[in-house]
N, C-alpha and C. Protein backbone atom coordinates (compact mmCIF):
# COMPACT_ATOMS: atom_id res chain seq x y z
N MET A 1 114.39 48.62 125.22
CA MET A 1 113.47 47.88 124.37
C MET A 1 114.20 46.76 123.62
N ALA A 2 115.39 47.02 123.14
CA ALA A 2 116.14 46.00 122.42
C ALA A 2 117.18 45.32 123.31
N ARG A 3 117.48 45.92 124.44
CA ARG A 3 118.55 45.39 125.28
C ARG A 3 118.21 43.99 125.78
N HIS A 4 117.02 43.80 126.29
CA HIS A 4 116.69 42.50 126.87
C HIS A 4 116.55 41.41 125.80
N PRO A 5 115.68 41.58 124.76
CA PRO A 5 115.51 40.47 123.82
C PRO A 5 116.68 40.29 122.86
N LEU A 6 117.39 41.36 122.52
CA LEU A 6 118.43 41.25 121.50
C LEU A 6 119.84 41.49 122.02
N GLY A 7 119.97 41.96 123.23
CA GLY A 7 121.28 42.25 123.77
C GLY A 7 121.92 43.48 123.15
N LEU A 8 121.10 44.39 122.63
CA LEU A 8 121.59 45.61 121.98
C LEU A 8 121.28 46.83 122.83
N THR A 9 122.09 47.85 122.69
CA THR A 9 121.81 49.13 123.30
C THR A 9 121.51 50.11 122.18
N LEU A 10 120.34 50.74 122.21
CA LEU A 10 119.94 51.67 121.17
C LEU A 10 120.48 53.06 121.44
N THR A 11 120.72 53.79 120.36
CA THR A 11 121.12 55.18 120.50
C THR A 11 119.89 56.01 120.86
N SER A 12 120.10 57.22 121.31
CA SER A 12 118.97 58.11 121.62
C SER A 12 118.12 58.35 120.38
N GLU A 13 118.77 58.47 119.23
CA GLU A 13 118.04 58.69 117.97
C GLU A 13 117.19 57.48 117.61
N GLN A 14 117.72 56.28 117.75
CA GLN A 14 116.95 55.07 117.47
C GLN A 14 115.76 54.96 118.42
N ASN A 15 115.99 55.24 119.68
CA ASN A 15 114.92 55.17 120.67
C ASN A 15 113.83 56.19 120.35
N ALA A 16 114.22 57.41 119.96
CA ALA A 16 113.24 58.45 119.61
C ALA A 16 112.42 58.02 118.40
N SER A 17 113.04 57.36 117.43
CA SER A 17 112.31 56.89 116.26
C SER A 17 111.27 55.85 116.63
N ILE A 18 111.63 54.95 117.54
CA ILE A 18 110.68 53.92 117.98
C ILE A 18 109.52 54.56 118.73
N VAL A 19 109.80 55.54 119.56
CA VAL A 19 108.76 56.21 120.33
C VAL A 19 107.84 57.02 119.40
N ALA A 20 108.41 57.63 118.35
CA ALA A 20 107.62 58.48 117.45
C ALA A 20 106.75 57.67 116.50
N PHE A 21 107.15 56.46 116.17
CA PHE A 21 106.42 55.68 115.16
C PHE A 21 104.93 55.52 115.45
N PRO A 22 104.51 55.07 116.63
CA PRO A 22 103.07 54.90 116.87
C PRO A 22 102.27 56.20 116.68
N GLY A 23 102.89 57.33 116.96
CA GLY A 23 102.20 58.60 116.78
C GLY A 23 101.99 58.97 115.32
N SER A 24 102.72 58.31 114.42
CA SER A 24 102.58 58.60 113.00
C SER A 24 101.43 57.82 112.37
N LEU A 25 100.89 56.87 113.09
CA LEU A 25 99.81 56.04 112.55
C LEU A 25 98.47 56.76 112.68
N THR A 26 97.60 56.53 111.73
CA THR A 26 96.26 57.10 111.79
C THR A 26 95.24 55.96 111.83
N ASP A 27 94.01 56.30 112.12
CA ASP A 27 92.97 55.28 112.15
C ASP A 27 92.23 55.20 110.82
N GLU A 28 92.71 55.90 109.81
CA GLU A 28 92.04 55.90 108.51
C GLU A 28 92.82 55.01 107.54
N ALA A 29 92.19 53.91 107.13
CA ALA A 29 92.82 53.01 106.18
C ALA A 29 92.49 53.46 104.76
N ASP A 30 93.42 53.24 103.86
CA ASP A 30 93.20 53.54 102.45
C ASP A 30 92.07 52.64 101.96
N PRO A 31 91.02 53.20 101.34
CA PRO A 31 89.89 52.38 100.89
C PRO A 31 90.30 51.25 99.93
N VAL A 32 91.39 51.41 99.23
CA VAL A 32 91.84 50.37 98.30
C VAL A 32 92.09 49.06 99.04
N TYR A 33 92.56 49.15 100.28
CA TYR A 33 92.88 47.95 101.03
C TYR A 33 91.64 47.23 101.56
N SER A 34 90.51 47.86 101.55
CA SER A 34 89.31 47.21 102.07
C SER A 34 88.32 46.83 100.97
N GLU A 35 88.72 47.02 99.70
CA GLU A 35 87.84 46.61 98.60
C GLU A 35 87.79 45.09 98.53
N ARG A 36 86.62 44.58 98.19
CA ARG A 36 86.48 43.14 98.03
C ARG A 36 87.08 42.75 96.69
N THR A 37 87.73 41.61 96.66
CA THR A 37 88.29 41.10 95.43
C THR A 37 87.66 39.76 95.11
N THR A 38 87.74 39.39 93.87
CA THR A 38 87.22 38.10 93.44
C THR A 38 88.34 37.08 93.57
N PRO A 39 88.09 35.97 94.26
CA PRO A 39 89.14 34.97 94.40
C PRO A 39 89.51 34.38 93.04
N ALA A 40 90.74 33.96 92.92
CA ALA A 40 91.19 33.33 91.69
C ALA A 40 90.46 32.00 91.51
N THR A 41 90.19 31.67 90.29
CA THR A 41 89.51 30.41 90.01
C THR A 41 90.54 29.36 89.62
N SER A 42 90.20 28.12 89.87
CA SER A 42 91.08 27.02 89.49
C SER A 42 90.97 26.78 88.00
N GLY A 43 92.08 26.43 87.39
CA GLY A 43 92.10 26.13 85.97
C GLY A 43 92.66 24.74 85.74
N PRO A 44 92.83 24.37 84.50
CA PRO A 44 93.30 23.02 84.20
C PRO A 44 94.73 22.76 84.69
N ASP A 45 95.52 23.79 84.90
CA ASP A 45 96.90 23.61 85.36
C ASP A 45 97.06 23.78 86.86
N THR A 46 95.93 23.99 87.59
CA THR A 46 95.99 24.17 89.03
C THR A 46 96.27 22.83 89.70
N PRO A 47 97.30 22.76 90.55
CA PRO A 47 97.57 21.47 91.22
C PRO A 47 96.45 21.10 92.18
N ALA A 48 96.26 19.82 92.38
CA ALA A 48 95.25 19.33 93.31
C ALA A 48 95.73 19.63 94.73
N PRO A 49 94.79 19.76 95.68
CA PRO A 49 95.18 19.99 97.07
C PRO A 49 96.00 18.83 97.62
N ASN A 50 96.90 19.16 98.52
CA ASN A 50 97.72 18.12 99.16
C ASN A 50 96.98 17.69 100.42
N PRO A 51 96.48 16.44 100.47
CA PRO A 51 95.68 16.01 101.62
C PRO A 51 96.49 15.79 102.90
N SER A 52 97.79 15.83 102.83
CA SER A 52 98.57 15.53 104.05
C SER A 52 98.76 16.73 104.91
């Protein structure tokens, strides 16, 4: 996995960690991350947009 793009050889332990990582993921996201937030409003000290 790392040999071709990086020229590295991984240890068996590193390889096992990479293989195990996807299995640790779940399909349930923390609801805090999907709450809607109110965008920040511009104030008198907000710089103008850069048109370039």
